[in-house]
């Protein structure tokens, strides 16, 4: 962990601090992401169930315990403008497993709006930066530089979506739009595949994609 302060509360997990951080890591990335896009626009009647995923990138930190404690408080304090109450019924744990994909053509299906450059060298460099930041901060294991790969975009089936999010905490409205849909790439993908696989869990920017083998 080399300098990253271990959080003792949910607040410190939400806002990690690294006072002696090397260049570029003064504000560490959060050690988790939510996956709850399938709940967008839905309303739930009393007694209805729902689920969401949390991807945890720092197994040595008490992230699961902190979130379970926070969820249990929602049964008392409620959530959102109407303060609807939720009860935590169960949790399940799964681990990342590589599919060991070997292909020269691959699709990235962006599930949630994502602000990206579609050129592969820019996209993969941004993804490498994201994974390297998490690996450096929470595993003390910086990644090697990314080798340049010869990959080209052969099909763009994305569309841009305009979205906004209003924060009841800050009172401000945030732009959260971006592209959704499929980008298909072809070329020497072997060196990039591991990053693309892990990126399904870490996300890129605020967006989430899934790999589709062509």
C-alpha atoms as a PDB file:
ATOM      1  CA  UNK A   1       0.000   0.000   0.000  1.00  0.00           C
ATOM      2  CA  UNK A   2       3.059   2.246   0.374  1.00  0.00           C
ATOM      3  CA  UNK A   3       1.542   5.481   1.633  1.00  0.00           C
ATOM      4  CA  UNK A   4      -2.141   5.048   0.806  1.00  0.00           C
ATOM      5  CA  UNK A   5      -4.102   5.558   4.009  1.00  0.00           C
ATOM      6  CA  UNK A   6      -6.237   2.549   4.879  1.00  0.00           C
ATOM      7  CA  UNK A   7      -9.826   3.739   5.275  1.00  0.00           C
ATOM      8  CA  UNK A   8     -11.501   3.097   8.601  1.00  0.00           C
ATOM      9  CA  UNK A   9     -14.939   4.353   7.592  1.00  0.00           C
ATOM     10  CA  UNK A  10     -17.268   4.492   4.609  1.00  0.00           C
ATOM     11  CA  UNK A  11     -16.456   8.197   4.225  1.00  0.00           C
ATOM     12  CA  UNK A  12     -12.750   7.460   3.806  1.00  0.00           C
ATOM     13  CA  UNK A  13     -13.502   4.690   1.306  1.00  0.00           C
ATOM     14  CA  UNK A  14     -15.561   7.161  -0.726  1.00  0.00           C
ATOM     15  CA  UNK A  15     -12.769   9.751  -0.583  1.00  0.00           C
ATOM     16  CA  UNK A  16      -9.397   7.949  -0.297  1.00  0.00           C
ATOM     17  CA  UNK A  17      -6.303   9.986   0.582  1.00  0.00           C
ATOM     18  CA  UNK A  18      -2.637   9.403  -0.287  1.00  0.00           C
ATOM     19  CA  UNK A  19      -0.651  12.278   1.200  1.00  0.00           C
ATOM     20  CA  UNK A  20       2.766  11.125  -0.037  1.00  0.00           C
ATOM     21  CA  UNK A  21       1.499  10.018  -3.433  1.00  0.00           C
ATOM     22  CA  UNK A  22       3.815   9.885  -6.454  1.00  0.00           C
ATOM     23  CA  UNK A  23       3.034  12.187  -9.358  1.00  0.00           C
ATOM     24  CA  UNK A  24      -0.444  11.658 -10.723  1.00  0.00           C
ATOM     25  CA  UNK A  25      -1.919   9.885  -7.693  1.00  0.00           C
ATOM     26  CA  UNK A  26      -2.594  12.687  -5.212  1.00  0.00           C
ATOM     27  CA  UNK A  27      -6.299  11.941  -5.647  1.00  0.00           C
ATOM     28  CA  UNK A  28      -6.544   8.131  -5.797  1.00  0.00           C
ATOM     29  CA  UNK A  29      -9.384   6.486  -7.705  1.00  0.00           C
ATOM     30  CA  UNK A  30     -12.133   5.014  -5.574  1.00  0.00           C
ATOM     31  CA  UNK A  31     -11.438   1.332  -4.829  1.00  0.00           C
ATOM     32  CA  UNK A  32     -14.830   0.189  -6.146  1.00  0.00           C
ATOM     33  CA  UNK A  33     -17.510   0.849  -8.758  1.00  0.00           C
ATOM     34  CA  UNK A  34     -21.273   0.366  -8.691  1.00  0.00           C
ATOM     35  CA  UNK A  35     -23.061  -1.496 -11.462  1.00  0.00           C
ATOM     36  CA  UNK A  36     -26.751  -0.555 -11.261  1.00  0.00           C
ATOM     37  CA  UNK A  37     -27.617   0.644 -14.779  1.00  0.00           C
ATOM     38  CA  UNK A  38     -30.330  -2.033 -15.035  1.00  0.00           C
ATOM     39  CA  UNK A  39     -32.291  -0.065 -12.397  1.00  0.00           C
ATOM     40  CA  UNK A  40     -32.445   3.170 -14.442  1.00  0.00           C
ATOM     41  CA  UNK A  41     -35.967   4.552 -14.656  1.00  0.00           C
ATOM     42  CA  UNK A  42     -37.554   1.761 -12.597  1.00  0.00           C
ATOM     43  CA  UNK A  43     -39.984   2.187  -9.713  1.00  0.00           C
ATOM     44  CA  UNK A  44     -40.454  -0.414  -6.998  1.00  0.00           C
ATOM     45  CA  UNK A  45     -43.527  -1.210  -4.986  1.00  0.00           C
ATOM     46  CA  UNK A  46     -43.277  -2.218  -1.296  1.00  0.00           C
ATOM     47  CA  UNK A  47     -41.963  -5.762  -1.020  1.00  0.00           C
ATOM     48  CA  UNK A  48     -40.317  -5.777  -4.471  1.00  0.00           C
ATOM     49  CA  UNK A  49     -36.688  -6.889  -4.728  1.00  0.00           C
ATOM     50  CA  UNK A  50     -33.715  -5.441  -6.553  1.00  0.00           C
ATOM     51  CA  UNK A  51     -30.013  -6.143  -6.853  1.00  0.00           C
ATOM     52  CA  UNK A  52     -26.865  -4.312  -7.892  1.00  0.00           C
ATOM     53  CA  UNK A  53     -23.172  -5.146  -8.185  1.00  0.00           C
ATOM     54  CA  UNK A  54     -20.148  -3.637  -6.484  1.00  0.00           C
ATOM     55  CA  UNK A  55     -16.752  -4.335  -8.061  1.00  0.00           C
ATOM     56  CA  UNK A  56     -14.097  -4.227  -5.328  1.00  0.00           C
ATOM     57  CA  UNK A  57     -10.487  -3.532  -6.385  1.00  0.00           C
ATOM     58  CA  UNK A  58      -8.908  -3.526  -2.907  1.00  0.00           C
ATOM     59  CA  UNK A  59      -9.574  -6.878  -1.197  1.00  0.00           C
ATOM     60  CA  UNK A  60      -7.429  -5.904   1.802  1.00  0.00           C
ATOM     61  CA  UNK A  61      -9.746  -3.010   2.651  1.00  0.00           C
ATOM     62  CA  UNK A  62     -13.052  -3.401   4.547  1.00  0.00           C
ATOM     63  CA  UNK A  63     -15.158  -2.351   1.572  1.00  0.00           C
ATOM     64  CA  UNK A  64     -17.766  -5.106   1.791  1.00  0.00           C
ATOM     65  CA  UNK A  65     -18.292  -4.612   5.534  1.00  0.00           C
ATOM     66  CA  UNK A  66     -18.625  -0.841   5.073  1.00  0.00           C
ATOM     67  CA  UNK A  67     -21.230  -1.170   2.334  1.00  0.00           C
ATOM     68  CA  UNK A  68     -23.202  -3.811   4.216  1.00  0.00           C
ATOM     69  CA  UNK A  69     -23.322  -1.479   7.230  1.00  0.00           C
ATOM     70  CA  UNK A  70     -24.452   1.402   4.998  1.00  0.00           C
ATOM     71  CA  UNK A  71     -27.182  -0.725   3.397  1.00  0.00           C
ATOM     72  CA  UNK A  72     -28.499  -1.751   6.814  1.00  0.00           C
ATOM     73  CA  UNK A  73     -28.906   1.919   7.710  1.00  0.00           C
ATOM     74  CA  UNK A  74     -31.207   2.387   4.710  1.00  0.00           C
ATOM     75  CA  UNK A  75     -33.802   0.265   6.523  1.00  0.00           C
ATOM     76  CA  UNK A  76     -34.013   3.073   9.093  1.00  0.00           C
ATOM     77  CA  UNK A  77     -33.064   6.239   7.216  1.00  0.00           C
ATOM     78  CA  UNK A  78     -34.348   5.462   3.724  1.00  0.00           C
ATOM     79  CA  UNK A  79     -32.940   6.521   0.342  1.00  0.00           C
ATOM     80  CA  UNK A  80     -33.686   9.279  -2.163  1.00  0.00           C
ATOM     81  CA  UNK A  81     -36.108  12.228  -2.134  1.00  0.00           C
ATOM     82  CA  UNK A  82     -39.019  10.077  -0.904  1.00  0.00           C
ATOM     83  CA  UNK A  83     -36.752   8.313   1.611  1.00  0.00           C
ATOM     84  CA  UNK A  84     -37.936   4.873   0.573  1.00  0.00           C
ATOM     85  CA  UNK A  85     -36.638   2.205   2.932  1.00  0.00           C
ATOM     86  CA  UNK A  86     -34.700  -0.876   1.827  1.00  0.00           C
ATOM     87  CA  UNK A  87     -33.768  -4.066   3.637  1.00  0.00           C
ATOM     88  CA  UNK A  88     -30.551  -5.957   2.833  1.00  0.00           C
ATOM     89  CA  UNK A  89     -31.520  -9.599   2.356  1.00  0.00           C
ATOM     90  CA  UNK A  90     -28.318 -11.235   1.114  1.00  0.00           C
ATOM     91  CA  UNK A  91     -24.933 -10.737  -0.497  1.00  0.00           C
ATOM     92  CA  UNK A  92     -22.955 -12.934  -2.869  1.00  0.00           C
ATOM     93  CA  UNK A  93     -19.264 -12.893  -3.760  1.00  0.00           C
ATOM     94  CA  UNK A  94     -17.713 -13.686  -7.121  1.00  0.00           C
ATOM     95  CA  UNK A  95     -14.177 -13.295  -8.491  1.00  0.00           C
ATOM     96  CA  UNK A  96     -12.742 -12.106 -11.784  1.00  0.00           C
ATOM     97  CA  UNK A  97     -11.895 -14.908 -14.185  1.00  0.00           C
ATOM     98  CA  UNK A  98     -10.114 -14.387 -17.472  1.00  0.00           C
ATOM     99  CA  UNK A  99     -11.677 -16.039 -20.502  1.00  0.00           C
ATOM    100  CA  UNK A 100      -8.231 -16.235 -22.179  1.00  0.00           C
ATOM    101  CA  UNK A 101      -9.664 -14.878 -25.421  1.00  0.00           C
ATOM    102  CA  UNK A 102      -7.596 -15.203 -28.606  1.00  0.00           C
ATOM    103  CA  UNK A 103      -8.988 -13.271 -31.526  1.00  0.00           C
ATOM    104  CA  UNK A 104      -8.062 -10.686 -34.146  1.00  0.00           C
ATOM    105  CA  UNK A 105     -11.515  -9.074 -34.116  1.00  0.00           C
ATOM    106  CA  UNK A 106     -13.447  -7.906 -31.107  1.00  0.00           C
ATOM    107  CA  UNK A 107     -16.476  -5.802 -30.247  1.00  0.00           C
ATOM    108  CA  UNK A 108     -16.882  -3.512 -27.255  1.00  0.00           C
ATOM    109  CA  UNK A 109     -20.540  -3.050 -26.416  1.00  0.00           C
ATOM    110  CA  UNK A 110     -20.935   0.111 -24.322  1.00  0.00           C
ATOM    111  CA  UNK A 111     -23.844  -0.504 -21.973  1.00  0.00           C
ATOM    112  CA  UNK A 112     -23.877   2.882 -20.235  1.00  0.00           C
ATOM    113  CA  UNK A 113     -23.189   6.328 -21.764  1.00  0.00           C
ATOM    114  CA  UNK A 114     -19.416   6.789 -21.995  1.00  0.00           C
ATOM    115  CA  UNK A 115     -17.334   9.744 -23.112  1.00  0.00           C
ATOM    116  CA  UNK A 116     -14.568   8.163 -25.207  1.00  0.00           C
ATOM    117  CA  UNK A 117     -12.382   8.571 -28.258  1.00  0.00           C
ATOM    118  CA  UNK A 118     -13.091   5.687 -30.620  1.00  0.00           C
ATOM    119  CA  UNK A 119      -9.523   5.472 -32.012  1.00  0.00           C
ATOM    120  CA  UNK A 120      -8.136   2.284 -30.463  1.00  0.00           C
ATOM    121  CA  UNK A 121      -4.744   3.650 -29.422  1.00  0.00           C
ATOM    122  CA  UNK A 122      -6.448   6.440 -27.440  1.00  0.00           C
ATOM    123  CA  UNK A 123      -9.078   4.148 -25.935  1.00  0.00           C
ATOM    124  CA  UNK A 124      -6.592   1.469 -24.825  1.00  0.00           C
ATOM    125  CA  UNK A 125      -4.199   4.082 -23.405  1.00  0.00           C
ATOM    126  CA  UNK A 126      -7.010   5.540 -21.315  1.00  0.00           C
ATOM    127  CA  UNK A 127      -8.004   2.076 -20.117  1.00  0.00           C
ATOM    128  CA  UNK A 128      -4.376   1.271 -19.245  1.00  0.00           C
ATOM    129  CA  UNK A 129      -4.205   4.471 -17.178  1.00  0.00           C
ATOM    130  CA  UNK A 130      -7.367   3.496 -15.296  1.00  0.00           C
ATOM    131  CA  UNK A 131      -6.175  -0.037 -14.476  1.00  0.00           C
ATOM    132  CA  UNK A 132      -2.650   1.161 -13.643  1.00  0.00           C
ATOM    133  CA  UNK A 133      -4.025   3.703 -11.152  1.00  0.00           C
ATOM    134  CA  UNK A 134      -6.048   1.028  -9.348  1.00  0.00           C
ATOM    135  CA  UNK A 135      -3.160  -1.467  -9.393  1.00  0.00           C
ATOM    136  CA  UNK A 136      -0.659   1.122  -8.142  1.00  0.00           C
ATOM    137  CA  UNK A 137      -2.863   2.493  -5.369  1.00  0.00           C
ATOM    138  CA  UNK A 138      -4.405  -0.707  -4.024  1.00  0.00           C
ATOM    139  CA  UNK A 139      -1.968  -3.480  -4.963  1.00  0.00           C
ATOM    140  CA  UNK A 140       1.305  -1.492  -4.883  1.00  0.00           C
ATOM    141  CA  UNK A 141       1.960  -2.964  -8.319  1.00  0.00           C
ATOM    142  CA  UNK A 142       2.388  -0.430 -11.165  1.00  0.00           C
ATOM    143  CA  UNK A 143       1.790  -1.844 -14.625  1.00  0.00           C
ATOM    144  CA  UNK A 144       4.482  -1.864 -17.324  1.00  0.00           C
ATOM    145  CA  UNK A 145       4.121   0.656 -20.147  1.00  0.00           C
ATOM    146  CA  UNK A 146       1.618  -0.309 -22.786  1.00  0.00           C
ATOM    147  CA  UNK A 147       3.117  -1.603 -26.030  1.00  0.00           C
ATOM    148  CA  UNK A 148       1.744   0.002 -29.164  1.00  0.00           C
ATOM    149  CA  UNK A 149      -0.667  -2.289 -30.992  1.00  0.00           C
ATOM    150  CA  UNK A 150      -1.816  -2.199 -34.622  1.00  0.00           C
ATOM    151  CA  UNK A 151      -5.582  -2.211 -34.305  1.00  0.00           C
ATOM    152  CA  UNK A 152      -8.147  -0.302 -36.340  1.00  0.00           C
ATOM    153  CA  UNK A 153     -11.807   0.549 -35.899  1.00  0.00           C
ATOM    154  CA  UNK A 154     -13.792  -1.334 -38.538  1.00  0.00           C
ATOM    155  CA  UNK A 155     -17.360  -0.607 -37.445  1.00  0.00           C
ATOM    156  CA  UNK A 156     -18.974   2.083 -35.309  1.00  0.00           C
ATOM    157  CA  UNK A 157     -22.553   1.266 -34.280  1.00  0.00           C
ATOM    158  CA  UNK A 158     -22.756   3.711 -31.392  1.00  0.00           C
ATOM    159  CA  UNK A 159     -25.107   6.594 -30.772  1.00  0.00           C
ATOM    160  CA  UNK A 160     -24.785   9.544 -28.426  1.00  0.00           C
ATOM    161  CA  UNK A 161     -27.162   9.931 -25.495  1.00  0.00           C
ATOM    162  CA  UNK A 162     -27.665  13.182 -23.601  1.00  0.00           C
ATOM    163  CA  UNK A 163     -28.186  12.661 -19.893  1.00  0.00           C
ATOM    164  CA  UNK A 164     -28.142  14.681 -16.717  1.00  0.00           C
ATOM    165  CA  UNK A 165     -27.971  13.711 -13.063  1.00  0.00           C
ATOM    166  CA  UNK A 166     -29.238  15.877 -10.217  1.00  0.00           C
ATOM    167  CA  UNK A 167     -27.466  15.526  -6.883  1.00  0.00           C
ATOM    168  CA  UNK A 168     -29.648  16.086  -3.828  1.00  0.00           C
ATOM    169  CA  UNK A 169     -26.441  16.343  -1.811  1.00  0.00           C
ATOM    170  CA  UNK A 170     -24.862  19.226  -3.757  1.00  0.00           C
ATOM    171  CA  UNK A 171     -27.960  20.659  -5.394  1.00  0.00           C
ATOM    172  CA  UNK A 172     -26.183  20.630  -8.748  1.00  0.00           C
ATOM    173  CA  UNK A 173     -26.961  19.020 -12.094  1.00  0.00           C
ATOM    174  CA  UNK A 174     -24.210  17.023 -13.811  1.00  0.00           C
ATOM    175  CA  UNK A 175     -23.873  16.014 -17.470  1.00  0.00           C
ATOM    176  CA  UNK A 176     -23.554  12.220 -17.689  1.00  0.00           C
ATOM    177  CA  UNK A 177     -24.162  11.600 -21.384  1.00  0.00           C
ATOM    178  CA  UNK A 178     -21.969   9.709 -23.841  1.00  0.00           C
ATOM    179  CA  UNK A 179     -22.069   6.952 -26.430  1.00  0.00           C
ATOM    180  CA  UNK A 180     -23.743   3.561 -26.159  1.00  0.00           C
ATOM    181  CA  UNK A 181     -23.577   0.681 -28.613  1.00  0.00           C
ATOM    182  CA  UNK A 182     -20.935  -1.416 -30.350  1.00  0.00           C
ATOM    183  CA  UNK A 183     -17.434  -0.547 -31.521  1.00  0.00           C
ATOM    184  CA  UNK A 184     -15.718  -3.296 -33.531  1.00  0.00           C
ATOM    185  CA  UNK A 185     -11.919  -3.441 -33.799  1.00  0.00           C
ATOM    186  CA  UNK A 186      -9.595  -5.645 -35.829  1.00  0.00           C
ATOM    187  CA  UNK A 187      -5.855  -6.235 -35.724  1.00  0.00           C
ATOM    188  CA  UNK A 188      -3.069  -7.493 -33.420  1.00  0.00           C
ATOM    189  CA  UNK A 189      -5.141  -7.645 -30.243  1.00  0.00           C
ATOM    190  CA  UNK A 190      -3.159 -10.169 -28.169  1.00  0.00           C
ATOM    191  CA  UNK A 191      -1.405  -7.583 -25.976  1.00  0.00           C
ATOM    192  CA  UNK A 192      -4.591  -5.565 -25.488  1.00  0.00           C
ATOM    193  CA  UNK A 193      -6.993  -8.390 -24.629  1.00  0.00           C
ATOM    194  CA  UNK A 194      -6.011  -8.644 -20.907  1.00  0.00           C
ATOM    195  CA  UNK A 195      -6.679  -4.920 -20.433  1.00  0.00           C
ATOM    196  CA  UNK A 196      -9.977  -5.147 -22.300  1.00  0.00           C
ATOM    197  CA  UNK A 197     -11.066  -8.083 -20.128  1.00  0.00           C
ATOM    198  CA  UNK A 198     -10.225  -6.328 -16.865  1.00  0.00           C
ATOM    199  CA  UNK A 199     -11.820  -3.141 -18.190  1.00  0.00           C
ATOM    200  CA  UNK A 200     -15.213  -4.854 -18.139  1.00  0.00           C
ATOM    201  CA  UNK A 201     -14.899  -4.718 -14.340  1.00  0.00           C
ATOM    202  CA  UNK A 202     -13.082  -1.428 -13.817  1.00  0.00           C
ATOM    203  CA  UNK A 203     -14.961   0.542 -16.461  1.00  0.00           C
ATOM    204  CA  UNK A 204     -13.439   3.358 -18.485  1.00  0.00           C
ATOM    205  CA  UNK A 205     -14.292   6.854 -17.363  1.00  0.00           C
ATOM    206  CA  UNK A 206     -17.806   6.569 -15.948  1.00  0.00           C
ATOM    207  CA  UNK A 207     -18.821   4.004 -18.541  1.00  0.00           C
ATOM    208  CA  UNK A 208     -19.292   0.247 -18.629  1.00  0.00           C
ATOM    209  CA  UNK A 209     -18.801  -2.071 -21.608  1.00  0.00           C
ATOM    210  CA  UNK A 210     -18.890  -5.795 -22.333  1.00  0.00           C
ATOM    211  CA  UNK A 211     -16.713  -7.729 -24.770  1.00  0.00           C
ATOM    212  CA  UNK A 212     -18.423  -9.340 -27.748  1.00  0.00           C
ATOM    213  CA  UNK A 213     -16.246 -11.784 -29.715  1.00  0.00           C
ATOM    214  CA  UNK A 214     -16.722 -11.249 -33.438  1.00  0.00           C
END
